Amino acid sequence: MTRNDERPAVVIGAGLAGLAAALMLARTDRRVVIVEASDEAGGCCSTTTADGFTLNNGAIYVAVPSLIRASFRRLGLDFDREVPMVVIERPHVTHLDNGTAVHLSSAGTSYVEGDRADSRTRQLRDGLGRLRQQWGPAYRTLVDEVLPYEPSLLRTLGKLWRYLPRMSGHAGRLIEAHFADADLQSAVASTLLYTGQGPDRLPATQIIGLIAMLEEGFHLPRAGMGAISSAMTRELSRRSVPIRFGAHVREIVVENGAVRGIVLADGERISTDCVVATCSGFEVVRHLLPSRAVPRRLAHRARTAPLSHRAISIQVGCSGAMPPRAFMTNHVPSMRQQAALHVSTPGVPRWLAYTCPSLVLPELAPNGKAVLELYAPATSIRSVSEWTRAMTQAAVDGYLTAIQAHLPGLCVETVRVADPRDFASERHVYEGALYGVAPGTAPDKFFPHRAGLRGLYLGGQTTFPGYGVPTAMFSGIQAAEAAMQDGRGNA
């Protein structure tokens, strides 16, 4: 894509997708400029410091490290050198009302505490082992031969066809088939709480989240999640790629079916024939493109792509209590009742799920203190504009009371809250939907990397499953590759 054209390629957004897209383009010696509405890079894979506590701005751990290594290789970077990581040795514990505690890690080391602990530990390990045996090959095919490439229903079916019979149905039925014990079902199902859907509605394919833990484990960068985007911004700086912070894009200029530039909120126009928009595809269609210029296929995606759930992020800097026994702690009901955790209810919640990143990385908190992160559901609204601060305050009060009941002696020192309005306005997440397009959505429902206008390419969470660090990066890589291919064709 080497060229003498002085106009830079413009990347909208400095999240992981935007940073990856910019690096791919810069590696071809194309001039690139990134415009970012906020004041820092990294998007939802970055951190903020408050009162000495390091808090995540979204992503909380690395699942599938082999895939993120592959994404860094595509950018000419060595992930292990740039972002040293530590294994989360105790990733998951689930507590049931009857006193049972189920500790999940690998198939061979997971165990049960409580009634009939030995026999149920054997049942747990047997079920996890069978799940890994049956789904491990599908997982590796997905990671090696599907996710690194442009989303395509045809490619997905072509690579995974032999596994399709076991992929039908819902996650709840799959879990029941491998674990007869109700407590074990609850514990295994609770690993899927991050999807925002109950096991009875969640496609069976989403069990891949559990298989990732069994196959590769969960990890944290030694310097926190922001280390991933920091590695990319260092390389961009080395390549003299500027990031213009506080630069809100008002419009993508289109003439005769082709991109001609962007206009910033202050009226400045940047001329270009290549825009990679890694903000939400919904935002591109509904606000950035002139209505007359929106391709029919893109408009259809914006009307029909299902949004993921909304939630309130509650981050607590604290002291005084005994630390949790695992990185993720879930207090949950039976599997069939777990959908209740995704519905807003008044008062103090009976069920609770939270993470403790400082258990793995003590340096994320001042000496002897801890960081806890919780998500409260934000339901009963049709649009983010209907959400109120009073709803947020009621939820935060209830969840803080609940966490203090679960961890006696807990002293809350600082609280940071982001509700759906904050996710929409400050983190530029469309409609406050955490993952953009809902988990489990078929590839043909995502926004395409080629937008249908010459010179316009899309990346980010609406072009790829939005709940994975490496998939966010690959969406930017693939959008840039599409631009590079078209550039060579035009040349």
Protein backbone atom coordinates (compact mmCIF):
# COMPACT_ATOMS: atom_id res chain seq x y z
CA MET A 1 0.00 0.00 0.00
CA THR A 2 3.05 2.26 -0.31
CA ARG A 3 2.03 5.47 -2.07
CA ASN A 4 3.05 9.08 -2.62
CA ASP A 5 -0.40 10.49 -1.78
CA GLU A 6 0.16 12.99 1.03
CA ARG A 7 -3.30 12.44 2.50
CA PRO A 8 -3.17 10.18 5.54
CA ALA A 9 -5.41 7.23 6.18
CA VAL A 10 -7.69 8.16 9.08
CA VAL A 11 -8.52 5.72 11.86
CA ILE A 12 -11.47 6.69 14.04
CA GLY A 13 -10.99 5.43 17.59
CA ALA A 14 -7.91 4.55 19.65
CA GLY A 15 -9.26 1.41 21.28
CA LEU A 16 -7.60 -1.93 20.56
CA ALA A 17 -9.24 -2.22 17.14
CA GLY A 18 -8.16 1.28 16.11
CA LEU A 19 -4.62 0.88 17.39
CA ALA A 20 -4.28 -2.45 15.57
CA ALA A 21 -5.68 -1.01 12.33
CA ALA A 22 -3.31 1.95 12.49
CA LEU A 23 -0.30 -0.30 13.09
CA MET A 24 -1.21 -2.53 10.15
CA LEU A 25 -1.51 0.46 7.84
CA ALA A 26 1.67 2.08 9.16
CA ARG A 27 3.63 -1.09 8.44
CA THR A 28 2.95 -0.46 4.73
CA ASP A 29 4.49 3.03 5.00
CA ARG A 30 1.09 4.68 4.56
CA ARG A 31 0.73 7.87 6.56
CA VAL A 32 -1.85 7.36 9.29
CA VAL A 33 -3.56 9.59 11.81
CA ILE A 34 -5.79 8.36 14.64
CA VAL A 35 -8.61 10.57 15.93
CA GLU A 36 -9.93 9.70 19.39
CA ALA A 37 -12.81 11.41 21.15
CA SER A 38 -11.55 10.73 24.67
CA ASP A 39 -8.32 11.82 26.34
CA GLU A 40 -6.49 8.49 26.35
CA ALA A 41 -5.88 5.40 24.25
CA GLY A 42 -6.92 1.83 24.91
CA GLY A 43 -10.68 2.19 25.05
CA CYS A 44 -12.16 -0.62 27.13
CA CYS A 45 -8.73 -2.26 27.53
CA SER A 46 -7.07 0.39 29.66
CA THR A 47 -6.81 1.35 33.31
CA THR A 48 -7.37 4.38 35.52
CA THR A 49 -5.80 5.18 38.89
CA ALA A 50 -8.03 6.50 41.68
CA ASP A 51 -6.77 7.11 45.24
CA GLY A 52 -3.90 4.69 44.67
CA PHE A 53 -6.10 1.90 43.26
CA THR A 54 -5.64 0.77 39.64
CA LEU A 55 -9.05 0.14 38.07
CA ASN A 56 -9.95 -1.44 34.73
CA ASN A 57 -11.89 0.55 32.15
CA GLY A 58 -13.58 -2.57 30.79
CA ALA A 59 -11.65 -5.76 30.03
CA ILE A 60 -10.73 -7.60 33.24
CA TYR A 61 -8.54 -10.52 32.11
CA VAL A 62 -7.02 -12.28 29.11
CA ALA A 63 -8.68 -15.52 28.05
CA VAL A 64 -7.22 -17.19 24.83
CA PRO A 65 -3.59 -15.95 25.11
CA SER A 66 -2.61 -17.93 21.99
CA LEU A 67 -4.94 -15.73 19.94
CA ILE A 68 -3.61 -12.47 21.32
CA ARG A 69 -0.07 -13.69 20.59
CA ALA A 70 -1.16 -14.34 17.01
CA SER A 71 -2.65 -10.85 16.73
CA PHE A 72 0.59 -9.28 17.97
CA ARG A 73 2.59 -11.35 15.47
CA ARG A 74 0.44 -9.93 12.68
CA LEU A 75 1.52 -6.50 13.90
CA GLY A 76 5.20 -7.46 13.94
CA LEU A 77 5.33 -7.54 17.75
CA ASP A 78 6.34 -10.16 20.30
CA PHE A 79 3.52 -10.26 22.83
CA ASP A 80 5.42 -12.12 25.54
CA ARG A 81 8.24 -9.59 25.40
CA GLU A 82 5.97 -6.55 25.20
CA VAL A 83 3.33 -7.67 27.71
CA PRO A 84 4.60 -10.12 30.37
CA MET A 85 1.68 -11.98 31.92
CA VAL A 86 0.93 -13.95 35.06
CA VAL A 87 -1.35 -16.98 35.20
CA ILE A 88 -4.47 -16.63 37.35
CA GLU A 89 -3.91 -19.74 39.45
CA ARG A 90 -7.28 -19.62 41.22
CA PRO A 91 -9.58 -18.27 38.54
CA HIS A 92 -13.04 -19.19 39.77
CA VAL A 93 -15.03 -20.19 42.86
CA THR A 94 -18.80 -20.59 43.11
CA HIS A 95 -20.68 -20.62 46.41
CA LEU A 96 -24.11 -22.23 46.77
CA ASP A 97 -26.69 -21.62 49.50
CA ASN A 98 -26.20 -25.13 50.92
CA GLY A 99 -22.58 -24.39 51.80
CA THR A 100 -21.04 -26.09 48.77
CA ALA A 101 -18.09 -24.32 47.14
CA VAL A 102 -16.92 -25.35 43.68
CA HIS A 103 -13.42 -24.29 42.61
CA LEU A 104 -12.88 -24.29 38.85
CA SER A 105 -9.52 -24.14 37.12
CA SER A 106 -8.23 -27.00 34.95
CA ALA A 107 -10.05 -30.29 34.42
CA GLY A 108 -7.52 -32.06 36.62
CA THR A 109 -7.31 -29.61 39.53
CA SER A 110 -10.89 -28.35 39.98
CA TYR A 111 -12.50 -29.49 43.22
CA VAL A 112 -15.57 -29.34 45.47
CA GLU A 113 -15.84 -28.38 49.13
CA GLY A 114 -18.87 -29.43 51.15
CA ASP A 115 -21.10 -32.49 51.31
CA ARG A 116 -19.69 -35.57 49.51
CA ALA A 117 -16.69 -33.51 48.45
CA ASP A 118 -14.55 -36.41 47.21
CA SER A 119 -17.20 -38.08 45.05
CA ARG A 120 -18.42 -34.79 43.63
CA THR A 121 -14.87 -33.69 42.89
CA ARG A 122 -14.52 -36.85 40.79
CA GLN A 123 -17.82 -36.06 39.04
CA LEU A 124 -16.67 -32.50 38.41
CA ARG A 125 -13.32 -33.50 36.94
CA ASP A 126 -14.92 -36.22 34.84
CA GLY A 127 -17.48 -33.80 33.39
CA LEU A 128 -14.88 -31.13 32.69
CA GLY A 129 -12.61 -33.71 31.11
CA ARG A 130 -15.37 -34.92 28.79
CA LEU A 131 -16.28 -31.34 27.88
CA ARG A 132 -12.68 -30.58 27.03
CA GLN A 133 -12.31 -33.80 25.03
CA GLN A 134 -15.44 -33.09 23.00
CA TRP A 135 -15.03 -29.33 22.57
CA GLY A 136 -11.25 -28.94 22.61
CA PRO A 137 -10.83 -29.68 18.87
CA ALA A 138 -13.62 -27.22 18.01
CA TYR A 139 -11.95 -24.62 20.23
CA ARG A 140 -8.58 -25.03 18.53
CA THR A 141 -10.16 -24.86 15.08
CA LEU A 142 -12.03 -21.71 16.08
CA VAL A 143 -8.90 -20.07 17.50
CA ASP A 144 -6.51 -21.13 14.72
CA GLU A 145 -8.67 -21.20 11.59
CA VAL A 146 -11.76 -19.03 12.13
CA LEU A 147 -11.24 -16.06 14.46
CA PRO A 148 -8.00 -14.79 12.84
CA TYR A 149 -9.87 -14.36 9.55
CA GLU A 150 -12.64 -12.06 8.38
CA PRO A 151 -16.01 -13.12 9.86
CA SER A 152 -17.80 -15.29 7.34
CA LEU A 153 -20.68 -17.67 7.89
CA LEU A 154 -19.42 -19.77 4.98
CA ARG A 155 -15.90 -20.03 6.42
CA THR A 156 -17.22 -20.75 9.90
CA LEU A 157 -19.41 -23.58 8.62
CA GLY A 158 -16.64 -24.89 6.38
CA LYS A 159 -14.16 -25.14 9.25
CA LEU A 160 -16.53 -26.25 12.01
CA TRP A 161 -19.04 -28.42 10.11
CA ARG A 162 -17.93 -31.66 11.77
CA TYR A 163 -18.71 -30.17 15.19
CA LEU A 164 -22.11 -28.73 14.27
CA PRO A 165 -24.24 -31.54 15.79
CA ARG A 166 -22.96 -30.77 19.28
CA MET A 167 -23.27 -27.00 18.78
CA SER A 168 -27.06 -26.95 18.55
CA GLY A 169 -29.32 -26.10 21.46
CA HIS A 170 -28.57 -24.06 24.54
CA ALA A 171 -25.78 -24.02 27.08
CA GLY A 172 -28.05 -25.19 29.90
CA ARG A 173 -28.90 -28.44 28.13
CA LEU A 174 -25.23 -29.04 27.32
CA ILE A 175 -24.21 -28.55 30.96
CA GLU A 176 -26.95 -30.90 32.18
CA ALA A 177 -25.66 -33.58 29.82
CA HIS A 178 -22.21 -33.48 31.42
CA PHE A 179 -23.05 -32.85 35.08
CA ALA A 180 -25.88 -34.67 36.85
CA ASP A 181 -25.28 -32.88 40.16
CA ALA A 182 -27.30 -29.64 40.46
CA ASP A 183 -24.54 -27.81 42.37
CA LEU A 184 -21.99 -28.66 39.70
CA GLN A 185 -24.41 -27.46 37.03
CA SER A 186 -24.75 -24.14 38.87
CA ALA A 187 -21.00 -23.71 39.19
CA VAL A 188 -20.24 -24.50 35.56
CA ALA A 189 -23.08 -22.29 34.33
CA SER A 190 -21.81 -19.39 36.45
CA THR A 191 -18.66 -19.23 34.31
CA LEU A 192 -20.94 -17.84 31.57
CA LEU A 193 -22.41 -14.97 33.59
CA TYR A 194 -20.26 -12.52 31.60
CA THR A 195 -22.47 -13.08 28.54
CA GLY A 196 -25.43 -11.33 30.16
CA GLN A 197 -27.79 -14.19 29.30
CA GLY A 198 -29.15 -17.14 31.27
CA PRO A 199 -27.98 -20.66 30.31
CA ASP A 200 -31.44 -21.58 29.05
CA ARG A 201 -31.24 -18.86 26.37
CA LEU A 202 -27.52 -18.83 25.65
CA PRO A 203 -26.41 -20.76 22.53
CA ALA A 204 -24.43 -23.90 23.38
CA THR A 205 -21.49 -22.53 21.38
CA GLN A 206 -20.83 -20.04 24.19
CA ILE A 207 -19.44 -22.91 26.30
CA ILE A 208 -16.26 -21.95 24.44
CA GLY A 209 -15.68 -19.42 27.24
CA LEU A 210 -15.29 -22.28 29.72
CA ILE A 211 -13.24 -24.35 27.27
CA ALA A 212 -10.81 -21.42 26.99
CA MET A 213 -10.14 -21.67 30.72
CA LEU A 214 -9.69 -25.45 30.53
CA GLU A 215 -7.40 -25.25 27.50
CA GLU A 216 -5.24 -22.20 28.18
CA GLY A 217 -6.18 -20.76 31.57
CA PHE A 218 -6.88 -17.11 32.36
CA HIS A 219 -4.14 -14.49 32.66
CA LEU A 220 -3.41 -10.90 33.65
CA PRO A 221 -0.67 -8.64 32.27
CA ARG A 222 1.80 -7.94 35.09
CA ALA A 223 1.23 -4.21 34.67
CA GLY A 224 -2.57 -4.49 34.41
CA MET A 225 -4.86 -4.68 31.38
CA GLY A 226 -3.70 -1.29 30.13
CA ALA A 227 -0.30 -2.83 29.35
CA ILE A 228 -1.75 -4.29 26.14
CA SER A 229 -2.76 -0.97 24.61
CA SER A 230 0.41 0.66 25.98
CA ALA A 231 2.54 -1.78 23.99
CA MET A 232 0.68 -0.79 20.84
CA THR A 233 0.90 2.96 21.47
CA ARG A 234 4.66 2.60 22.02
CA GLU A 235 5.00 1.02 18.60
CA LEU A 236 2.79 3.67 17.01
CA SER A 237 4.96 6.37 18.56
CA ARG A 238 8.07 4.66 17.22
CA ARG A 239 6.46 4.77 13.77
CA SER A 240 5.51 8.45 14.21
CA VAL A 241 1.77 7.79 14.01
CA PRO A 242 -0.05 10.63 15.80
CA ILE A 243 -3.09 10.12 18.02
CA ARG A 244 -5.25 13.23 18.22
CA PHE A 245 -7.09 13.09 21.53
CA GLY A 246 -10.30 15.00 22.19
CA ALA A 247 -11.05 14.88 18.46
CA HIS A 248 -14.76 14.17 18.03
CA VAL A 249 -15.77 13.19 14.49
CA ARG A 250 -18.92 14.95 13.30
CA GLU A 251 -19.18 13.50 9.81
CA ILE A 252 -17.58 11.14 7.32
CA VAL A 253 -17.57 13.02 4.01
CA VAL A 254 -18.83 11.00 1.03
CA GLU A 255 -18.90 12.13 -2.60
CA ASN A 256 -19.96 10.00 -5.57
CA GLY A 257 -19.96 6.81 -3.50
CA ALA A 258 -16.46 7.29 -2.11
CA VAL A 259 -14.97 8.63 1.11
CA ARG A 260 -13.36 12.04 0.76
CA GLY A 261 -12.54 12.88 4.37
CA ILE A 262 -13.86 13.48 7.85
CA VAL A 263 -15.10 16.60 9.62
CA LEU A 264 -14.32 17.11 13.30
CA ALA A 265 -16.68 18.71 15.79
CA ASP A 266 -14.77 22.02 15.58
CA GLY A 267 -15.25 22.14 11.81
CA GLU A 268 -11.76 21.00 10.80
CA ARG A 269 -11.78 18.79 7.71
CA ILE A 270 -9.18 16.08 7.16
CA SER A 271 -9.04 14.96 3.54
CA THR A 272 -8.49 11.26 2.88
CA ASP A 273 -9.55 8.42 0.63
CA CYS A 274 -9.32 5.83 3.43
CA VAL A 275 -11.23 5.83 6.73
CA VAL A 276 -11.17 2.90 9.15
CA ALA A 277 -13.97 3.54 11.64
CA THR A 278 -13.53 1.43 14.77
CA CYS A 279 -16.32 3.16 16.64
CA SER A 280 -19.68 1.40 16.67
CA GLY A 281 -21.11 0.46 13.28
CA PHE A 282 -24.46 1.71 14.58
CA GLU A 283 -22.85 5.10 15.22
CA VAL A 284 -21.40 5.20 11.70
CA VAL A 285 -24.77 4.50 10.11
CA ARG A 286 -26.94 6.70 12.31
CA HIS A 287 -24.72 9.69 12.98
CA LEU A 288 -21.49 9.86 10.94
CA LEU A 289 -22.59 9.05 7.39
CA PRO A 290 -24.95 11.32 5.45
CA SER A 291 -28.28 9.47 5.35
CA ARG A 292 -28.32 9.52 1.55
CA ALA A 293 -24.93 7.78 1.45
CA VAL A 294 -25.66 4.82 3.75
CA PRO A 295 -25.46 1.57 1.76
CA ARG A 296 -28.61 -0.54 1.96
CA ARG A 297 -26.79 -3.55 3.44
CA LEU A 298 -25.25 -1.41 6.17
CA ALA A 299 -28.60 0.15 7.03
CA HIS A 300 -30.11 -3.34 7.29
CA ARG A 301 -27.40 -4.44 9.75
CA ALA A 302 -28.04 -1.38 11.88
CA ARG A 303 -31.75 -2.24 12.02
CA THR A 304 -31.41 -5.95 12.74
CA ALA A 305 -28.17 -6.66 14.65
CA PRO A 306 -29.10 -7.52 18.26
CA LEU A 307 -27.49 -5.47 21.02
CA SER A 308 -25.83 -7.07 24.03
CA HIS A 309 -26.86 -6.37 27.60
CA ARG A 310 -26.31 -3.20 29.61
CA ALA A 311 -24.83 -3.06 33.10
CA ILE A 312 -23.46 -0.79 35.81
CA SER A 313 -19.76 -1.16 36.59
CA ILE A 314 -19.05 -0.78 40.32
CA GLN A 315 -15.37 -0.73 41.28
CA VAL A 316 -14.38 -0.66 44.92
CA GLY A 317 -11.06 0.18 46.53
CA CYS A 318 -11.23 -1.36 49.97
CA SER A 319 -9.50 -2.74 53.04
CA GLY A 320 -10.27 -4.67 56.20
CA ALA A 321 -11.84 -7.89 54.94
CA MET A 322 -10.29 -11.27 54.29
CA PRO A 323 -9.53 -11.42 50.56
CA PRO A 324 -11.66 -13.63 48.30
CA ARG A 325 -10.37 -17.13 47.59
CA ALA A 326 -10.37 -16.73 43.81
CA PHE A 327 -10.10 -14.10 41.09
CA MET A 328 -13.80 -14.54 40.29
CA THR A 329 -16.31 -15.24 43.05
CA ASN A 330 -19.93 -16.12 42.33
CA HIS A 331 -22.77 -16.56 44.82
CA VAL A 332 -25.50 -18.02 42.62
CA PRO A 333 -28.76 -19.99 42.65
CA SER A 334 -29.48 -23.13 40.65
CA MET A 335 -28.58 -23.03 36.98
CA ARG A 336 -32.20 -22.60 35.90
CA GLN A 337 -32.54 -19.53 38.11
CA GLN A 338 -29.34 -17.79 37.03
CA ALA A 339 -31.09 -15.61 34.47
CA ALA A 340 -32.24 -13.63 37.52
CA LEU A 341 -28.71 -12.25 37.89
CA HIS A 342 -29.22 -10.37 34.61
CA VAL A 343 -32.41 -8.55 35.66
CA SER A 344 -32.53 -5.34 37.68
CA THR A 345 -34.36 -5.79 40.98
CA PRO A 346 -34.91 -3.30 43.82
CA GLY A 347 -33.09 -3.59 47.12
CA VAL A 348 -30.08 -5.68 48.13
CA PRO A 349 -29.35 -8.46 45.61
CA ARG A 350 -29.45 -12.00 46.95
CA TRP A 351 -27.00 -13.24 44.32
CA LEU A 352 -23.65 -11.66 43.59
CA ALA A 353 -20.66 -12.04 41.28
CA TYR A 354 -17.41 -10.08 41.54
CA THR A 355 -13.73 -10.16 40.63
CA CYS A 356 -10.65 -9.29 42.68
CA PRO A 357 -7.75 -8.42 40.33
CA SER A 358 -5.53 -7.40 43.26
CA LEU A 359 -5.63 -11.01 44.49
CA VAL A 360 -3.48 -11.83 41.45
CA LEU A 361 -1.62 -8.51 41.22
CA PRO A 362 -1.33 -6.99 44.72
CA GLU A 363 0.39 -3.93 43.25
CA LEU A 364 -2.98 -2.80 41.80
CA ALA A 365 -3.88 -1.61 45.31
CA PRO A 366 -2.01 0.13 48.14
CA ASN A 367 -0.28 -2.22 50.57
CA GLY A 368 -2.75 -4.52 52.33
CA LYS A 369 -5.74 -3.24 50.37
CA ALA A 370 -7.78 -4.66 47.51
CA VAL A 371 -9.74 -3.90 44.35
CA LEU A 372 -13.16 -5.47 43.81
CA GLU A 373 -15.16 -5.16 40.59
CA LEU A 374 -18.89 -5.87 40.27
CA TYR A 375 -21.45 -5.50 37.50
CA ALA A 376 -25.10 -4.81 38.28
CA PRO A 377 -27.67 -5.44 35.53
CA ALA A 378 -29.31 -2.43 33.90
CA THR A 379 -32.55 -3.69 32.40
CA SER A 380 -36.15 -2.50 31.95
CA ILE A 381 -35.21 0.24 29.47
CA ARG A 382 -35.55 0.32 25.68
CA SER A 383 -32.98 3.06 25.13
CA VAL A 384 -30.05 4.37 27.13
CA SER A 385 -31.79 7.75 27.23
CA GLU A 386 -34.35 6.23 29.63
CA TRP A 387 -31.71 5.37 32.22
CA THR A 388 -31.54 7.73 35.23
CA ARG A 389 -28.91 8.50 37.85
CA ALA A 390 -31.46 7.54 40.50
CA MET A 391 -31.54 4.02 39.02
CA THR A 392 -27.76 3.92 39.24
CA GLN A 393 -27.64 5.10 42.84
CA ALA A 394 -30.25 2.56 43.94
CA ALA A 395 -28.30 -0.28 42.32
CA VAL A 396 -24.95 0.86 43.73
CA ASP A 397 -26.36 1.15 47.24
CA GLY A 398 -27.79 -2.36 47.04
CA TYR A 399 -24.64 -3.94 45.65
CA LEU A 400 -22.33 -2.25 48.16
CA THR A 401 -24.54 -3.51 50.98
CA ALA A 402 -24.42 -7.00 49.46
CA ILE A 403 -20.62 -7.10 49.06
CA GLN A 404 -20.14 -5.92 52.64
CA ALA A 405 -22.41 -8.72 53.82
CA HIS A 406 -20.42 -11.27 51.80
CA LEU A 407 -17.08 -9.92 53.05
CA PRO A 408 -17.49 -9.02 56.74
CA GLY A 409 -15.24 -6.20 57.92
CA LEU A 410 -14.97 -4.67 54.45
CA CYS A 411 -14.13 -0.97 54.60
CA VAL A 412 -15.00 0.86 51.38
CA GLU A 413 -12.39 3.55 50.66
CA THR A 414 -13.23 4.57 47.11
CA VAL A 415 -15.98 3.73 44.63
CA ARG A 416 -15.95 4.31 40.88
CA VAL A 417 -19.19 3.82 38.96
CA ALA A 418 -19.98 3.70 35.24
CA ASP A 419 -23.62 3.27 34.26
CA PRO A 420 -25.13 2.83 30.76
CA ARG A 421 -25.11 6.59 30.18
CA ASP A 422 -21.41 6.72 31.08
CA PHE A 423 -20.58 3.79 28.80
CA ALA A 424 -22.40 5.56 25.97
CA SER A 425 -21.06 9.09 26.49
CA GLU A 426 -17.59 8.57 27.95
CA ARG A 427 -16.54 5.18 26.59
CA HIS A 428 -18.44 5.58 23.31
CA VAL A 429 -20.22 2.24 23.59
CA TYR A 430 -23.35 2.45 21.46
CA GLU A 431 -26.53 2.59 23.59
CA GLY A 432 -24.43 1.50 26.58
CA ALA A 433 -24.51 -2.11 25.32
CA LEU A 434 -21.32 -3.58 26.79
CA TYR A 435 -20.37 -5.90 23.93
CA GLY A 436 -22.02 -4.09 21.03
CA VAL A 437 -23.59 -6.99 19.14
CA ALA A 438 -24.91 -9.70 21.48
CA PRO A 439 -22.83 -12.83 22.26
CA GLY A 440 -23.77 -15.85 20.16
CA THR A 441 -24.85 -13.78 17.16
CA ALA A 442 -24.16 -15.45 13.81
CA PRO A 443 -21.26 -13.96 11.79
CA ASP A 444 -23.60 -12.78 9.02
CA LYS A 445 -25.27 -10.40 11.48
CA PHE A 446 -22.08 -8.45 12.24
CA PHE A 447 -21.24 -5.24 10.43
CA PRO A 448 -18.90 -5.98 7.48
CA HIS A 449 -15.34 -4.71 7.34
CA ARG A 450 -16.01 -3.31 3.87
CA ALA A 451 -18.81 -0.85 4.41
CA GLY A 452 -19.99 -0.70 0.81
CA LEU A 453 -18.52 2.75 0.11
CA ARG A 454 -15.12 3.14 -1.54
CA GLY A 455 -12.55 3.90 1.12
CA LEU A 456 -14.70 3.18 4.20
CA TYR A 457 -13.86 0.23 6.45
CA LEU A 458 -15.31 -0.83 9.79
CA GLY A 459 -13.64 -2.42 12.80
CA GLY A 460 -14.40 -2.75 16.48
CA GLN A 461 -16.96 -4.55 18.58
CA THR A 462 -19.85 -4.46 16.09
CA THR A 463 -17.75 -6.29 13.45
CA PHE A 464 -16.54 -9.00 15.82
CA PRO A 465 -17.61 -10.48 19.17
CA GLY A 466 -16.94 -7.57 21.49
CA TYR A 467 -16.05 -9.46 24.64
CA GLY A 468 -12.54 -10.57 23.77
CA VAL A 469 -9.28 -8.63 23.73
CA PRO A 470 -7.74 -10.54 20.78
CA THR A 471 -10.93 -10.49 18.71
CA ALA A 472 -11.11 -6.72 19.11
CA MET A 473 -7.55 -6.50 17.80
CA PHE A 474 -8.25 -8.85 14.90
CA SER A 475 -11.24 -6.75 13.86
CA GLY A 476 -8.91 -3.78 13.37
CA ILE A 477 -6.30 -5.92 11.64
CA GLN A 478 -8.87 -7.33 9.23
CA ALA A 479 -10.37 -3.92 8.46
CA ALA A 480 -6.89 -2.60 7.67
CA GLU A 481 -6.12 -5.64 5.53
CA ALA A 482 -9.29 -5.01 3.52
CA ALA A 483 -8.16 -1.42 2.97
CA MET A 484 -4.70 -2.59 1.93
CA GLN A 485 -6.11 -5.14 -0.52
CA ASP A 486 -8.38 -2.55 -2.10
CA GLY A 487 -5.51 -0.06 -2.25
CA ARG A 488 -3.37 -2.55 -4.17
CA GLY A 489 -6.27 -3.27 -6.50
CA ASN A 490 -6.84 0.40 -7.24
CA ALA A 491 -3.12 0.90 -7.85
